[in-house]
Amino acid sequence: MAHGTLAFIVSIKEEETEAMPTAFVPNNPFLDMIQDKFLDEETADVCFEVSSSEIEEDRSKRSRSSTSFHAHSQILNICAPMLASLFESNEDRS
């Protein structure tokens, strides 16, 4: 004590530590498996056929082209339920 004041001397030393290990995150193959099935004609149970045609000024059709997109109904049910509902049979709606 000096002149009625209590003084503390504090020394802080940082300990050397090993680098923190990175978290182990296992590889999940699910995403790769789903992406492999994207537009897969063999396993798809739904096919969208999108067509377009150009109309001449005299209202006659000039050309027509169409493209098919293959999809899976279960993925549509999860990601686009309103679109998937278009493919339900009349028996499923009752």
N, C-alpha and C. Protein backbone atom coordinates (compact mmCIF):
# COMPACT_ATOMS: atom_id res chain seq x y z
N MET A 1 0.84 -1.16 0.00
CA MET A 1 0.00 0.00 0.00
C MET A 1 0.89 1.23 0.00
N ALA A 2 0.55 2.08 -0.90
CA ALA A 2 1.31 3.32 -0.98
C ALA A 2 0.35 4.48 -0.91
N HIS A 3 0.49 5.28 0.07
CA HIS A 3 -0.33 6.48 0.27
C HIS A 3 -1.82 6.14 0.32
N GLY A 4 -2.21 5.02 0.92
CA GLY A 4 -3.60 4.64 1.09
C GLY A 4 -4.22 4.02 -0.15
N THR A 5 -3.43 3.67 -1.18
CA THR A 5 -3.95 3.07 -2.40
C THR A 5 -3.40 1.66 -2.53
N LEU A 6 -4.29 0.76 -2.78
CA LEU A 6 -3.89 -0.62 -3.00
C LEU A 6 -3.67 -0.83 -4.49
N ALA A 7 -2.51 -1.21 -4.90
CA ALA A 7 -2.17 -1.38 -6.32
C ALA A 7 -1.90 -2.84 -6.60
N PHE A 8 -2.39 -3.31 -7.71
CA PHE A 8 -2.16 -4.68 -8.17
C PHE A 8 -1.38 -4.62 -9.47
N ILE A 9 -0.47 -5.51 -9.60
CA ILE A 9 0.24 -5.65 -10.86
C ILE A 9 -0.24 -6.96 -11.47
N VAL A 10 -0.79 -6.86 -12.68
CA VAL A 10 -1.35 -8.02 -13.35
C VAL A 10 -0.55 -8.27 -14.63
N SER A 11 -0.10 -9.47 -14.80
CA SER A 11 0.60 -9.85 -16.02
C SER A 11 -0.22 -10.92 -16.72
N ILE A 12 -0.46 -10.73 -18.00
CA ILE A 12 -1.24 -11.70 -18.77
C ILE A 12 -0.32 -12.28 -19.84
N LYS A 13 -0.27 -13.56 -19.85
CA LYS A 13 0.54 -14.24 -20.85
C LYS A 13 -0.38 -15.14 -21.66
N GLU A 14 -0.33 -14.98 -22.98
CA GLU A 14 -1.16 -15.81 -23.85
C GLU A 14 -0.46 -17.13 -24.07
N GLU A 15 -1.18 -18.19 -23.81
CA GLU A 15 -0.61 -19.51 -24.00
C GLU A 15 -0.65 -19.88 -25.48
N GLU A 16 0.40 -20.52 -25.90
CA GLU A 16 0.42 -21.00 -27.27
C GLU A 16 -0.40 -22.27 -27.33
N THR A 17 -1.37 -22.29 -28.22
CA THR A 17 -2.22 -23.46 -28.36
C THR A 17 -2.14 -23.95 -29.79
N GLU A 18 -2.47 -25.19 -29.97
CA GLU A 18 -2.52 -25.74 -31.32
C GLU A 18 -3.71 -25.14 -32.05
N ALA A 19 -3.59 -25.09 -33.34
CA ALA A 19 -4.70 -24.55 -34.15
C ALA A 19 -5.94 -25.40 -33.91
N MET A 20 -7.07 -24.72 -33.84
CA MET A 20 -8.33 -25.42 -33.64
C MET A 20 -8.61 -26.30 -34.85
N PRO A 21 -8.95 -27.54 -34.62
CA PRO A 21 -9.27 -28.41 -35.76
C PRO A 21 -10.57 -27.95 -36.41
N THR A 22 -10.63 -28.10 -37.72
CA THR A 22 -11.87 -27.75 -38.41
C THR A 22 -12.92 -28.81 -38.14
N ALA A 23 -14.14 -28.40 -38.18
CA ALA A 23 -15.24 -29.33 -37.89
C ALA A 23 -15.33 -30.38 -38.98
N PHE A 24 -15.60 -31.59 -38.57
CA PHE A 24 -15.75 -32.69 -39.52
C PHE A 24 -17.17 -32.66 -40.07
N VAL A 25 -17.28 -32.49 -41.36
CA VAL A 25 -18.58 -32.52 -42.02
C VAL A 25 -18.53 -33.66 -43.04
N PRO A 26 -19.27 -34.72 -42.78
CA PRO A 26 -19.22 -35.85 -43.70
C PRO A 26 -19.84 -35.50 -45.05
N ASN A 27 -19.38 -36.13 -46.08
CA ASN A 27 -19.91 -35.91 -47.41
C ASN A 27 -21.27 -36.59 -47.52
N ASN A 28 -22.27 -35.83 -47.91
CA ASN A 28 -23.62 -36.36 -48.08
C ASN A 28 -23.89 -36.53 -49.57
N PRO A 29 -24.04 -37.75 -50.05
CA PRO A 29 -24.22 -37.97 -51.48
C PRO A 29 -25.63 -37.69 -51.98
N PHE A 30 -26.55 -37.32 -51.09
CA PHE A 30 -27.95 -37.15 -51.49
C PHE A 30 -28.11 -36.10 -52.59
N LEU A 31 -27.46 -34.96 -52.43
CA LEU A 31 -27.59 -33.89 -53.42
C LEU A 31 -27.09 -34.35 -54.78
N ASP A 32 -25.96 -35.04 -54.81
CA ASP A 32 -25.44 -35.54 -56.09
C ASP A 32 -26.40 -36.54 -56.71
N MET A 33 -27.01 -37.39 -55.88
CA MET A 33 -27.94 -38.40 -56.40
C MET A 33 -29.16 -37.73 -57.00
N ILE A 34 -29.69 -36.71 -56.34
CA ILE A 34 -30.87 -36.00 -56.85
C ILE A 34 -30.52 -35.28 -58.16
N GLN A 35 -29.36 -34.63 -58.19
CA GLN A 35 -28.96 -33.92 -59.41
C GLN A 35 -28.74 -34.87 -60.57
N ASP A 36 -28.29 -36.08 -60.30
CA ASP A 36 -28.10 -37.06 -61.37
C ASP A 36 -29.44 -37.46 -61.99
N LYS A 37 -30.52 -37.37 -61.24
CA LYS A 37 -31.84 -37.74 -61.75
C LYS A 37 -32.56 -36.59 -62.44
N PHE A 38 -31.99 -35.40 -62.39
CA PHE A 38 -32.60 -34.23 -63.02
C PHE A 38 -32.68 -34.45 -64.52
N LEU A 39 -33.87 -34.33 -65.09
CA LEU A 39 -34.15 -34.53 -66.51
C LEU A 39 -33.82 -35.94 -67.01
N ASP A 40 -33.82 -36.92 -66.10
CA ASP A 40 -33.53 -38.30 -66.47
C ASP A 40 -34.78 -38.96 -67.04
N GLU A 41 -34.75 -39.28 -68.31
CA GLU A 41 -35.92 -39.83 -68.98
C GLU A 41 -36.29 -41.22 -68.47
N GLU A 42 -35.29 -42.00 -68.09
CA GLU A 42 -35.55 -43.39 -67.68
C GLU A 42 -36.30 -43.49 -66.36
N THR A 43 -36.02 -42.62 -65.41
CA THR A 43 -36.66 -42.72 -64.10
C THR A 43 -37.80 -41.73 -63.89
N ALA A 44 -37.98 -40.80 -64.82
CA ALA A 44 -39.03 -39.80 -64.68
C ALA A 44 -40.41 -40.42 -64.86
N ASP A 45 -41.38 -39.89 -64.11
CA ASP A 45 -42.75 -40.36 -64.27
C ASP A 45 -43.68 -39.25 -64.75
N VAL A 46 -43.12 -38.08 -65.06
CA VAL A 46 -43.88 -36.95 -65.60
C VAL A 46 -43.06 -36.36 -66.74
N CYS A 47 -43.74 -36.00 -67.82
CA CYS A 47 -43.05 -35.36 -68.94
C CYS A 47 -43.84 -34.12 -69.36
N PHE A 48 -43.18 -32.98 -69.38
CA PHE A 48 -43.78 -31.74 -69.86
C PHE A 48 -43.35 -31.57 -71.31
N GLU A 49 -44.31 -31.35 -72.18
CA GLU A 49 -43.97 -31.03 -73.56
C GLU A 49 -44.39 -29.59 -73.81
N VAL A 50 -43.40 -28.77 -74.05
CA VAL A 50 -43.63 -27.34 -74.25
C VAL A 50 -43.42 -27.06 -75.73
N SER A 51 -44.44 -26.50 -76.35
CA SER A 51 -44.33 -26.22 -77.78
C SER A 51 -44.60 -24.76 -78.05
N SER A 52 -44.03 -24.31 -79.13
CA SER A 52 -44.26 -22.93 -79.56
C SER A 52 -44.43 -22.93 -81.07
N SER A 53 -45.18 -21.98 -81.55
CA SER A 53 -45.35 -21.85 -82.99
C SER A 53 -45.40 -20.37 -83.34
N GLU A 54 -44.89 -20.08 -84.50
CA GLU A 54 -44.93 -18.71 -85.00
C GLU A 54 -46.08 -18.59 -85.97
N ILE A 55 -46.79 -17.49 -85.89
CA ILE A 55 -47.95 -17.28 -86.76
C ILE A 55 -47.63 -16.14 -87.72
N GLU A 56 -47.89 -16.40 -88.99
CA GLU A 56 -47.67 -15.38 -90.02
C GLU A 56 -48.74 -14.30 -89.91
N GLU A 57 -48.56 -13.23 -90.63
CA GLU A 57 -49.53 -12.14 -90.61
C GLU A 57 -50.88 -12.58 -91.15
N ASP A 58 -50.91 -13.56 -92.06
CA ASP A 58 -52.18 -14.04 -92.60
C ASP A 58 -52.78 -15.13 -91.70
N ARG A 59 -52.28 -15.25 -90.51
CA ARG A 59 -52.75 -16.16 -89.46
C ARG A 59 -52.48 -17.64 -89.75
N SER A 60 -51.58 -17.91 -90.67
CA SER A 60 -51.19 -19.30 -90.90
C SER A 60 -49.96 -19.61 -90.04
N LYS A 61 -49.91 -20.84 -89.58
CA LYS A 61 -48.77 -21.23 -88.76
C LYS A 61 -47.55 -21.45 -89.65
N ARG A 62 -46.44 -20.88 -89.23
CA ARG A 62 -45.24 -20.98 -90.04
C ARG A 62 -44.34 -22.11 -89.57
N SER A 63 -44.06 -22.17 -88.32
CA SER A 63 -43.18 -23.22 -87.81
C SER A 63 -43.59 -23.58 -86.39
N ARG A 64 -43.22 -24.79 -86.02
CA ARG A 64 -43.57 -25.24 -84.68
C ARG A 64 -42.38 -26.00 -84.13
N SER A 65 -42.08 -25.77 -82.87
CA SER A 65 -41.02 -26.52 -82.22
C SER A 65 -41.51 -26.93 -80.83
N SER A 66 -41.01 -28.06 -80.37
CA SER A 66 -41.40 -28.52 -79.04
C SER A 66 -40.18 -29.08 -78.32
N THR A 67 -40.23 -28.97 -77.01
CA THR A 67 -39.17 -29.47 -76.14
C THR A 67 -39.81 -30.25 -75.02
N SER A 68 -39.20 -31.36 -74.66
CA SER A 68 -39.71 -32.19 -73.56
C SER A 68 -38.83 -32.03 -72.33
N PHE A 69 -39.48 -31.91 -71.17
CA PHE A 69 -38.79 -31.84 -69.89
C PHE A 69 -39.29 -32.99 -69.03
N HIS A 70 -38.40 -33.83 -68.58
CA HIS A 70 -38.77 -34.98 -67.75
C HIS A 70 -38.60 -34.60 -66.28
N ALA A 71 -39.54 -35.07 -65.45
CA ALA A 71 -39.52 -34.72 -64.03
C ALA A 71 -40.00 -35.91 -63.20
N HIS A 72 -39.93 -35.74 -61.90
CA HIS A 72 -40.34 -36.77 -60.95
C HIS A 72 -41.49 -36.22 -60.09
N SER A 73 -42.57 -36.94 -60.03
CA SER A 73 -43.76 -36.45 -59.34
C SER A 73 -43.52 -36.18 -57.86
N GLN A 74 -42.70 -36.98 -57.21
CA GLN A 74 -42.46 -36.75 -55.78
C GLN A 74 -41.70 -35.45 -55.55
N ILE A 75 -40.77 -35.13 -56.41
CA ILE A 75 -40.05 -33.86 -56.28
C ILE A 75 -41.00 -32.70 -56.59
N LEU A 76 -41.87 -32.87 -57.57
CA LEU A 76 -42.87 -31.84 -57.85
C LEU A 76 -43.80 -31.65 -56.66
N ASN A 77 -44.19 -32.75 -56.01
CA ASN A 77 -45.07 -32.64 -54.83
C ASN A 77 -44.43 -31.80 -53.74
N ILE A 78 -43.13 -31.94 -53.56
CA ILE A 78 -42.44 -31.20 -52.50
C ILE A 78 -42.15 -29.76 -52.92
N CYS A 79 -41.64 -29.58 -54.14
CA CYS A 79 -41.15 -28.27 -54.56
C CYS A 79 -42.19 -27.40 -55.27
N ALA A 80 -43.17 -28.04 -55.90
CA ALA A 80 -44.19 -27.30 -56.65
C ALA A 80 -45.53 -28.00 -56.52
N PRO A 81 -46.13 -27.97 -55.33
CA PRO A 81 -47.37 -28.73 -55.11
C PRO A 81 -48.53 -28.32 -56.02
N MET A 82 -48.63 -27.05 -56.37
CA MET A 82 -49.73 -26.64 -57.25
C MET A 82 -49.55 -27.21 -58.64
N LEU A 83 -48.32 -27.25 -59.12
CA LEU A 83 -48.04 -27.85 -60.42
C LEU A 83 -48.28 -29.35 -60.36
N ALA A 84 -47.86 -29.99 -59.28
CA ALA A 84 -48.04 -31.44 -59.14
C ALA A 84 -49.51 -31.81 -59.07
N SER A 85 -50.34 -30.93 -58.54
CA SER A 85 -51.77 -31.23 -58.44
C SER A 85 -52.42 -31.36 -59.81
N LEU A 86 -51.83 -30.81 -60.84
CA LEU A 86 -52.37 -30.94 -62.19
C LEU A 86 -52.28 -32.37 -62.70
N PHE A 87 -51.41 -33.18 -62.11
CA PHE A 87 -51.19 -34.54 -62.57
C PHE A 87 -51.93 -35.59 -61.75
N GLU A 88 -52.68 -35.15 -60.75
CA GLU A 88 -53.45 -36.11 -59.96
C GLU A 88 -54.58 -36.67 -60.79
N SER A 89 -54.87 -37.91 -60.59
CA SER A 89 -56.00 -38.52 -61.31
C SER A 89 -57.31 -38.10 -60.62
N ASN A 90 -58.41 -38.28 -61.28
CA ASN A 90 -59.70 -37.93 -60.68
C ASN A 90 -59.97 -38.75 -59.43
N GLU A 91 -59.46 -39.98 -59.35
CA GLU A 91 -59.65 -40.82 -58.17
C GLU A 91 -58.96 -40.22 -56.96
N ASP A 92 -57.79 -39.59 -57.15
CA ASP A 92 -57.06 -39.01 -56.04
C ASP A 92 -57.74 -37.77 -55.50
N ARG A 93 -58.53 -37.11 -56.29
CA ARG A 93 -59.17 -35.85 -55.85
C ARG A 93 -60.41 -36.07 -55.02
N SER A 94 -60.99 -37.26 -55.01
CA SER A 94 -62.23 -37.47 -54.28
C SER A 94 -61.98 -37.84 -52.84
